[in-house]
Protein backbone atom coordinates (compact mmCIF):
# COMPACT_ATOMS: atom_id res chain seq x y z
CA MET A 1 93.23 -59.44 84.24
CA THR A 2 93.50 -56.70 86.86
CA LYS A 3 90.97 -55.37 89.34
CA SER A 4 90.88 -53.17 92.39
CA ARG A 5 90.87 -54.97 95.71
CA PHE A 6 91.85 -53.50 99.06
CA LEU A 7 91.32 -53.42 102.79
CA ILE A 8 89.98 -50.34 104.60
CA ALA A 9 91.70 -49.94 107.96
CA ALA A 10 91.92 -47.23 110.60
CA THR A 11 94.37 -46.09 113.21
CA HIS A 12 91.90 -47.04 115.95
CA SER A 13 88.22 -47.78 116.57
CA GLY A 14 85.86 -44.83 116.18
CA CYS A 15 87.58 -43.28 113.15
CA GLY A 16 84.53 -43.82 110.93
CA LYS A 17 85.72 -46.98 109.19
CA THR A 18 82.22 -48.43 108.72
CA THR A 19 80.88 -45.09 107.44
CA PHE A 20 83.68 -44.85 104.87
CA SER A 21 83.32 -48.50 103.86
CA LEU A 22 79.56 -48.32 103.39
CA GLY A 23 79.67 -45.04 101.49
CA LEU A 24 82.43 -46.24 99.17
CA MET A 25 80.68 -49.56 98.54
CA ARG A 26 77.45 -47.75 97.62
CA LEU A 27 79.24 -45.17 95.43
CA LEU A 28 81.08 -47.81 93.40
CA THR A 29 77.89 -49.86 93.11
CA GLN A 30 76.05 -46.81 91.77
CA GLN A 31 78.78 -46.47 89.15
CA GLY A 32 77.83 -49.87 87.78
CA ARG A 33 80.57 -51.98 89.39
CA LYS A 34 79.93 -55.32 91.07
CA VAL A 35 81.30 -54.74 94.56
CA GLN A 36 82.06 -57.74 96.75
CA PRO A 37 82.18 -56.81 100.46
CA PHE A 38 84.14 -58.63 103.16
CA LYS A 39 84.59 -58.07 106.89
CA CYS A 40 87.61 -58.86 109.07
CA GLY A 41 86.66 -60.77 112.18
CA PRO A 42 83.45 -62.34 113.47
CA ASP A 43 81.05 -59.36 113.13
CA TYR A 44 77.59 -60.35 111.84
CA ILE A 45 76.03 -56.86 112.00
CA ASP A 46 78.35 -54.79 109.79
CA THR A 47 78.03 -57.52 107.18
CA GLN A 48 74.29 -56.87 107.01
CA PHE A 49 74.99 -53.18 106.38
CA HIS A 50 77.43 -54.16 103.61
CA ALA A 51 74.70 -56.20 101.95
CA VAL A 52 72.37 -53.18 102.05
CA ALA A 53 75.09 -51.02 100.47
CA THR A 54 76.01 -53.41 97.65
CA GLY A 55 73.22 -55.91 97.14
CA HIS A 56 75.69 -58.77 97.77
CA PRO A 57 76.30 -60.87 100.90
CA SER A 58 79.36 -59.81 102.89
CA ILE A 59 81.80 -62.56 103.84
CA ASN A 60 83.73 -62.84 107.12
CA LEU A 61 87.50 -63.35 107.03
CA ASP A 62 88.58 -64.64 110.42
CA THR A 63 91.78 -66.48 111.34
CA PHE A 64 90.64 -67.48 114.83
CA MET A 65 87.46 -69.24 113.75
CA SER A 66 89.07 -70.74 110.62
CA SER A 67 92.45 -71.55 109.11
CA GLU A 68 94.51 -69.21 106.95
CA ALA A 69 94.06 -71.61 104.02
CA HIS A 70 90.27 -71.35 104.40
CA VAL A 71 90.43 -67.54 104.50
CA ARG A 72 92.47 -67.50 101.29
CA GLU A 73 90.09 -69.91 99.54
CA VAL A 74 86.96 -68.03 100.61
CA PHE A 75 88.40 -64.71 99.50
CA ARG A 76 89.42 -66.05 96.08
CA ARG A 77 86.01 -67.65 95.54
CA TYR A 78 83.98 -64.52 96.27
CA ASP A 79 86.50 -62.08 94.80
CA SER A 80 86.68 -63.86 91.44
CA PRO A 81 83.38 -62.66 89.87
CA SER A 82 83.60 -59.13 91.29
CA ASP A 83 84.82 -55.87 89.74
CA VAL A 84 86.00 -54.47 93.09
CA SER A 85 86.56 -56.26 96.39
CA ILE A 86 86.48 -54.21 99.59
CA VAL A 87 87.42 -55.64 102.98
CA GLU A 88 86.36 -53.60 106.00
CA GLY A 89 88.92 -54.00 108.75
CA VAL A 90 88.36 -54.38 112.47
CA MET A 91 89.36 -51.96 115.27
CA GLY A 92 92.78 -50.39 114.66
CA LEU A 93 95.03 -51.67 111.88
CA PHE A 94 97.17 -53.87 114.15
CA ASP A 95 94.57 -54.86 116.78
CA GLY A 96 94.03 -58.63 116.84
CA TYR A 97 92.84 -61.25 119.27
CA SER A 98 96.48 -61.84 120.30
CA LYS A 99 98.77 -58.93 119.45
CA ASP A 100 98.19 -58.53 115.69
CA LEU A 101 96.91 -62.07 114.99
CA GLY A 102 93.53 -61.81 113.29
CA SER A 103 93.97 -58.06 112.81
CA SER A 104 93.31 -56.05 109.67
CA ALA A 105 97.07 -56.03 109.06
CA HIS A 106 97.18 -59.83 109.39
CA ILE A 107 94.36 -60.30 106.87
CA ALA A 108 95.85 -57.76 104.45
CA THR A 109 99.24 -59.49 104.57
CA LEU A 110 97.69 -62.94 104.28
CA LEU A 111 95.74 -61.94 101.16
CA ASP A 112 98.38 -59.58 99.77
CA LEU A 113 95.94 -56.67 99.83
CA PRO A 114 96.90 -52.99 99.76
CA VAL A 115 95.53 -50.95 102.65
CA VAL A 116 93.54 -47.71 102.43
CA LEU A 117 94.11 -46.10 105.82
CA LEU A 118 91.40 -43.91 107.37
CA VAL A 119 92.63 -41.31 109.86
CA ASN A 120 90.39 -39.34 112.18
CA ALA A 121 91.65 -35.77 111.71
CA ALA A 122 89.20 -34.14 114.12
CA SER A 123 91.88 -33.13 116.63
CA CYS A 124 95.07 -32.97 114.62
CA ALA A 125 96.70 -31.35 111.60
CA TYR A 126 100.41 -31.64 110.71
CA SER A 127 100.94 -34.02 113.66
CA ALA A 128 99.25 -36.63 111.46
CA ALA A 129 102.70 -37.04 109.85
CA ALA A 130 104.03 -38.78 112.96
CA THR A 131 101.02 -41.08 113.07
CA LEU A 132 101.39 -41.96 109.39
CA TYR A 133 105.11 -42.57 109.78
CA GLY A 134 104.48 -45.06 112.56
CA PHE A 135 101.72 -46.92 110.72
CA THR A 136 103.68 -47.14 107.46
CA HIS A 137 106.94 -48.34 109.07
CA PHE A 138 105.70 -50.65 111.85
CA ARG A 139 105.19 -53.59 109.45
CA PRO A 140 107.29 -52.91 106.32
CA ALA A 141 105.70 -55.83 104.42
CA LEU A 142 102.32 -54.10 104.64
CA ARG A 143 101.55 -51.77 101.72
CA ILE A 144 99.65 -48.58 102.53
CA ALA A 145 98.15 -47.58 99.18
CA GLY A 146 96.93 -44.22 100.46
CA VAL A 147 95.26 -42.25 103.21
CA VAL A 148 91.79 -40.77 103.56
CA PHE A 149 91.14 -38.26 106.35
CA ASN A 150 87.80 -38.19 108.14
CA ARG A 151 86.06 -35.38 110.06
CA VAL A 152 88.03 -32.64 108.33
CA ALA A 153 86.90 -29.14 109.31
CA SER A 154 87.84 -27.12 106.22
CA GLU A 155 90.00 -26.87 103.09
CA SER A 156 92.76 -25.13 105.08
CA HIS A 157 92.66 -27.96 107.62
CA PHE A 158 93.03 -30.44 104.77
CA ARG A 159 96.10 -28.65 103.40
CA PHE A 160 97.96 -29.32 106.67
CA LEU A 161 97.00 -32.97 106.32
CA GLN A 162 98.21 -33.09 102.71
CA GLU A 163 101.55 -31.71 103.85
CA ALA A 164 101.73 -34.44 106.48
CA CYS A 165 101.27 -37.06 103.76
CA GLU A 166 103.95 -35.44 101.60
CA GLU A 167 106.37 -35.46 104.55
CA VAL A 168 105.94 -39.23 104.95
CA GLY A 169 105.59 -40.07 101.24
CA VAL A 170 102.11 -41.58 101.48
CA PRO A 171 99.52 -40.82 98.76
CA CYS A 172 96.70 -38.61 100.01
CA LEU A 173 93.43 -39.84 98.50
CA GLY A 174 91.18 -37.12 99.89
CA TYR A 175 88.95 -36.43 102.83
CA ILE A 176 85.47 -36.52 104.30
CA ARG A 177 84.05 -33.36 105.83
CA LYS A 178 82.94 -33.35 109.43
CA SER A 179 79.16 -33.76 109.49
CA PRO A 180 76.53 -34.62 112.13
CA HIS A 181 74.78 -36.74 109.47
CA LEU A 182 77.70 -39.19 109.19
CA GLU A 183 77.45 -40.93 112.54
CA THR A 184 76.56 -44.60 112.05
CA PRO A 185 73.02 -45.43 113.26
CA SER A 186 72.60 -47.84 116.14
CA ARG A 187 73.71 -51.38 115.35
CA HIS A 188 70.80 -52.67 117.47
CA LEU A 189 68.14 -52.18 114.81
CA GLY A 190 67.03 -55.55 113.50
CA LEU A 191 66.08 -55.92 109.85
CA THR A 192 62.79 -54.06 110.00
CA LEU A 193 61.71 -52.07 106.95
CA GLY A 194 62.17 -48.84 108.89
CA ALA A 195 65.70 -49.81 109.92
CA GLN A 196 66.66 -50.64 106.34
CA GLU A 197 65.30 -47.29 105.13
CA MET A 198 67.30 -45.51 107.84
CA MET A 199 70.47 -47.36 106.82
CA ASN A 200 69.86 -46.62 103.14
CA THR A 201 69.53 -42.90 103.87
CA PHE A 202 72.73 -42.93 105.93
CA ILE A 203 74.65 -44.88 103.27
CA GLU A 204 73.51 -42.46 100.55
CA GLN A 205 74.73 -39.49 102.61
CA ALA A 206 78.08 -41.21 103.16
CA ALA A 207 78.41 -41.93 99.43
CA GLU A 208 77.73 -38.29 98.58
CA ALA A 209 80.32 -37.07 101.11
CA ILE A 210 82.95 -39.43 99.71
CA GLN A 211 82.22 -38.47 96.11
CA GLU A 212 82.70 -34.81 96.97
CA HIS A 213 86.28 -34.89 98.28
CA VAL A 214 87.82 -38.38 97.78
CA ASP A 215 89.71 -39.13 94.56
CA ILE A 216 88.01 -42.39 93.61
CA THR A 217 89.95 -42.74 90.36
CA GLN A 218 93.28 -42.52 92.19
CA LEU A 219 92.08 -44.87 94.93
CA LEU A 220 91.15 -47.54 92.37
CA GLU A 221 94.40 -47.08 90.45
CA LYS A 222 96.51 -47.39 93.59
CA THR A 223 94.78 -50.65 94.56
CA GLN A 224 94.90 -52.49 91.20
CA GLN A 225 96.10 -56.09 91.32
CA SER A 226 96.27 -59.02 88.93
CA SER A 227 93.47 -61.56 89.26
CA THR A 228 93.05 -65.18 88.19
CA PRO A 229 89.62 -66.86 87.75
CA TYR A 230 88.40 -69.25 90.41
CA THR A 231 87.00 -72.62 89.32
CA VAL A 232 84.25 -74.04 91.53
CA PRO A 233 84.76 -77.79 92.05
CA THR A 234 81.95 -80.11 90.93
CA LEU A 235 80.57 -82.43 93.60
CA PRO A 236 79.11 -85.88 92.87
CA LYS A 237 75.40 -86.60 93.30
CA ARG A 238 74.52 -87.04 96.99
CA PRO A 239 71.40 -87.75 99.07
CA VAL A 240 69.35 -84.64 99.88
CA LEU A 241 69.41 -83.06 103.35
CA ARG A 242 66.49 -80.65 103.86
CA ILE A 243 67.61 -77.66 105.95
CA ALA A 244 65.24 -75.02 107.35
CA VAL A 245 66.93 -71.74 108.34
CA ALA A 246 65.17 -69.02 110.37
CA ARG A 247 65.62 -65.63 108.75
CA ASP A 248 63.53 -62.55 109.49
CA GLU A 249 63.66 -59.35 111.56
CA ALA A 250 64.29 -61.33 114.76
CA PHE A 251 66.81 -63.91 113.48
CA ASN A 252 69.47 -62.71 111.05
CA PHE A 253 72.99 -63.20 112.47
CA LEU A 254 74.21 -65.52 109.73
CA TYR A 255 77.64 -66.40 108.39
CA PRO A 256 77.02 -67.01 104.65
CA GLU A 257 79.89 -69.51 104.51
CA ASN A 258 78.11 -71.68 107.08
CA LEU A 259 75.20 -72.12 104.70
CA GLU A 260 77.54 -72.69 101.75
CA ALA A 261 79.22 -75.47 103.73
CA LEU A 262 75.84 -77.14 104.24
CA LYS A 263 74.87 -76.75 100.59
CA ASN A 264 78.19 -78.26 99.48
CA HIS A 265 78.54 -80.93 102.13
CA PRO A 266 80.67 -83.82 100.80
CA ARG A 267 78.08 -86.44 101.82
CA TYR A 268 74.77 -84.58 101.46
CA GLU A 269 73.24 -82.10 99.07
CA GLY A 270 71.98 -79.41 101.40
CA ARG A 271 68.74 -77.85 100.21
CA ILE A 272 67.96 -74.74 102.22
CA THR A 273 64.52 -73.29 102.85
CA TYR A 274 64.17 -70.05 104.82
CA PHE A 275 61.30 -69.52 107.23
CA SER A 276 60.14 -66.84 109.64
CA PRO A 277 59.40 -67.61 113.30
CA LEU A 278 57.62 -64.24 113.36
CA HIS A 279 55.34 -64.63 110.35
CA ASP A 280 55.06 -68.27 109.23
CA PRO A 281 52.54 -70.61 110.89
CA GLN A 282 54.84 -73.65 111.06
CA LEU A 283 58.19 -75.14 110.09
CA PRO A 284 58.74 -76.25 106.50
CA ASP A 285 59.57 -79.92 105.97
CA ALA A 286 63.10 -80.36 107.20
CA ASP A 287 65.72 -82.80 108.46
CA LEU A 288 67.77 -80.04 110.14
CA VAL A 289 66.52 -76.74 111.60
CA TYR A 290 68.92 -73.85 112.20
CA LEU A 291 67.91 -71.00 114.53
CA PRO A 292 70.66 -68.34 114.28
CA GLY A 293 71.11 -65.34 116.52
CA GLY A 294 69.41 -62.00 116.16
CA TYR A 295 67.07 -59.75 118.13
CA PRO A 296 64.34 -61.91 119.72
CA GLU A 297 64.20 -59.44 122.63
CA LEU A 298 62.87 -56.76 120.24
CA PHE A 299 60.10 -59.05 119.00
CA ALA A 300 59.31 -61.13 122.08
CA ALA A 301 55.58 -60.30 122.03
CA GLU A 302 55.24 -61.18 118.34
CA LEU A 303 57.16 -64.44 118.81
CA GLU A 304 54.88 -65.35 121.71
CA GLN A 305 51.77 -64.61 119.64
CA ASN A 306 52.84 -67.03 116.90
CA THR A 307 51.74 -70.03 118.95
CA SER A 308 51.57 -72.44 116.04
CA MET A 309 55.23 -71.88 115.13
CA ARG A 310 56.38 -72.32 118.73
CA HIS A 311 54.45 -75.60 118.93
CA SER A 312 55.79 -76.69 115.54
CA ILE A 313 59.39 -76.26 116.72
CA ALA A 314 58.74 -78.04 120.02
CA ASP A 315 57.10 -80.91 118.13
CA PHE A 316 60.05 -81.11 115.72
CA VAL A 317 62.43 -81.56 118.67
CA GLU A 318 60.12 -84.10 120.29
CA ARG A 319 60.23 -86.14 117.05
CA GLN A 320 64.05 -86.25 117.28
CA GLY A 321 64.63 -83.71 114.50
CA LEU A 322 68.12 -82.21 114.27
CA LEU A 323 68.16 -78.61 115.52
CA LEU A 324 70.85 -76.02 116.27
CA GLY A 325 69.99 -72.85 118.19
CA GLU A 326 72.57 -70.08 118.65
CA CYS A 327 72.25 -67.10 121.00
CA GLY A 328 68.90 -65.57 119.95
CA GLY A 329 67.95 -68.96 118.55
CA MET A 330 68.75 -70.56 121.90
CA ILE A 331 66.71 -67.90 123.71
CA TYR A 332 63.75 -68.77 121.46
CA LEU A 333 64.02 -72.38 122.66
CA THR A 334 63.69 -71.45 126.36
CA GLU A 335 60.45 -71.35 128.35
CA GLU A 336 60.13 -67.57 128.31
CA LEU A 337 61.90 -64.28 127.62
CA ASP A 338 61.02 -61.57 130.14
CA GLY A 339 57.56 -63.03 130.69
CA HIS A 340 56.84 -63.81 127.02
CA ARG A 341 56.37 -67.50 126.28
CA MET A 342 58.91 -69.07 123.92
CA CYS A 343 59.13 -72.64 122.57
CA GLY A 344 59.65 -74.36 125.93
CA VAL A 345 62.25 -76.83 124.66
CA LEU A 346 64.92 -75.80 127.21
CA PRO A 347 63.80 -75.87 130.87
CA MET A 348 64.97 -72.35 131.73
CA LYS A 349 64.04 -68.70 131.33
CA CYS A 350 65.88 -65.73 129.85
CA THR A 351 65.91 -62.04 130.72
CA MET A 352 67.30 -58.70 129.57
CA ASP A 353 67.12 -57.33 133.13
CA GLN A 354 70.47 -56.00 134.35
CA ALA A 355 71.75 -56.45 130.81
CA LYS A 356 75.53 -56.83 130.64
CA LEU A 357 77.62 -57.39 127.56
CA THR A 358 79.34 -60.76 127.21
CA LEU A 359 81.54 -61.15 124.15
CA GLY A 360 84.64 -62.82 122.84
CA TYR A 361 85.98 -65.61 120.69
CA ARG A 362 85.21 -69.13 121.85
CA ARG A 363 86.72 -72.57 121.31
CA LEU A 364 84.23 -75.35 121.98
CA THR A 365 85.18 -78.92 122.80
CA LEU A 366 82.45 -81.53 122.64
CA GLY A 367 84.11 -84.87 123.25
CA PRO A 368 86.49 -85.38 120.33
CA LEU A 369 85.04 -82.45 118.38
CA THR A 370 86.36 -78.90 118.32
CA PHE A 371 84.42 -75.94 116.95
CA PHE A 372 85.15 -72.22 117.01
CA GLY A 373 82.80 -69.27 117.33
CA HIS A 374 82.01 -65.91 118.84
CA GLU A 375 79.84 -65.01 121.84
CA PHE A 376 78.02 -61.65 121.88
CA HIS A 377 74.92 -60.97 123.98
CA TYR A 378 73.40 -58.76 126.67
CA SER A 379 70.77 -61.18 127.96
CA HIS A 380 71.36 -63.93 130.51
CA LEU A 381 69.69 -67.17 131.56
CA ILE A 382 67.95 -67.16 134.92
CA ASP A 383 68.81 -70.80 135.69
CA PRO A 384 71.70 -71.71 133.36
CA HIS A 385 72.47 -74.94 135.23
CA ALA A 386 68.99 -76.43 134.88
CA LEU A 387 70.63 -78.64 132.25
CA PRO A 388 74.21 -79.91 132.33
CA SER A 389 76.57 -78.70 129.62
CA ILE A 390 77.62 -81.30 127.06
CA GLY A 391 80.89 -79.46 126.31
CA GLU A 392 83.41 -76.91 127.48
CA GLN A 393 84.22 -73.48 126.07
CA TYR A 394 87.45 -71.48 126.23
CA ASN A 395 88.46 -67.92 125.36
CA VAL A 396 91.47 -66.83 123.28
CA ARG A 397 93.76 -67.18 126.30
CA GLN A 398 92.64 -70.82 126.70
CA GLN A 399 90.77 -69.96 129.91
CA ALA A 400 87.53 -71.82 130.57
CA VAL A 401 84.37 -69.68 130.31
CA ASP A 402 81.01 -70.45 131.90
CA THR A 403 79.04 -70.72 128.66
CA PRO A 404 77.10 -74.00 128.53
CA VAL A 405 76.27 -76.08 125.48
CA TYR A 406 72.88 -77.74 125.93
CA ARG A 407 71.35 -80.80 124.34
CA ILE A 408 67.81 -82.11 124.58
CA LYS A 409 67.11 -85.06 122.26
CA ASN A 410 68.69 -83.81 119.00
CA ALA A 411 68.38 -80.09 119.80
CA ILE A 412 71.74 -78.44 120.53
CA ALA A 413 71.88 -74.87 121.81
CA THR A 414 74.44 -72.36 123.10
CA TYR A 415 75.03 -68.63 123.31
CA THR A 416 78.04 -68.97 120.96
CA HIS A 417 77.64 -68.25 117.24
CA LEU A 418 79.49 -71.13 115.60
CA TYR A 419 81.53 -70.91 112.41
CA TRP A 420 81.68 -74.18 110.52
CA GLY A 421 82.75 -72.98 107.07
CA GLU A 422 85.52 -75.59 106.99
CA ARG A 423 84.09 -78.08 109.50
CA ASP A 424 81.43 -80.77 109.31
CA LEU A 425 78.51 -79.49 111.37
CA LEU A 426 76.69 -82.83 111.09
CA LYS A 427 79.30 -84.46 113.31
CA LEU A 428 77.54 -82.73 116.20
CA TRP A 429 74.96 -85.49 115.78
CA ASN A 430 77.48 -88.22 114.86
CA LEU A 431 76.33 -88.18 111.23
């Protein structure tokens, strides 16, 4: 059995990689193919756009937050039932968290995937040959299946670019015309109905632009690979663990593999129920509550108005229920967010005033336990030391960072988005 599977990379950030990925995913989906999207790295926003484009959850492939063996297994599992698998790369082709570790090139080599390289041609013509020569020869083991040029001004401009490909011996798969309609909408949208409609319109325009000048048939032929079916292991009967996961416009930064790990826990059968802190009056019956990140700052007034839900969560913590709050979920547990009352579980306040971006990979040590994750936020806590931290966090250079991990009763909270796809989350509570 053969199928098309490939990684979309770019020479650098800002080339239009997400636009090309989304448009191609939608176009192939419209043609009746089951497209399985993936994303290199820890991004939990692009993956939501992928899901809009294809109707399927997008899966993160990250070698900092998980092992190479886990990345291979996850890719095989989700790739197996698909017709086409598309991995959107991160930054430039060779940009990783340490040199090229964790980069698009690293993931492509690890999974033996051909690369479709996107080049921003807005300010170049035949000089693209030198760029292509460098990218195709820097890592000889990496296979560049072909090149697509973005922001091309005209047919005559494209002919120069075709000649550049011929000079280097790289297949030219086509181009995307320069257009003011093909700039990705703001990533800070939330999952409101209006935001989804805006993304759908943008994705449709990208699909139309790709269909016009990109040779899809050649692209799929150049990226064909053999495929073997994946067999899902059968787990024995286990006691049920009821898990309530917040998911709505305000809370939606989720790694799908985290939830799969809970469903397929070796000691418990995880049964997941989704709830909305914005719209539901109270928590569903649960043994474990998970409050992921998202955009609580965009919905602070609505979260405050849902008094019964805030009280329900505070009562759950008071009754020693297991709870994990990450980033936006942690903010929801504080006393207030810019004057809007939150759940009051953590004795501190949060603000978006003087917003400053904090981001980066994190390694967390909590006694004998080690977890990995990613920190990404603009807000900050007004009194972050009102509670002592129960663990330490470090960046990719093994330097300590001042990001606390809080615990009150059985509620654990931190700014870091944890990835536990191959770890036992329940060990946080010694279970």
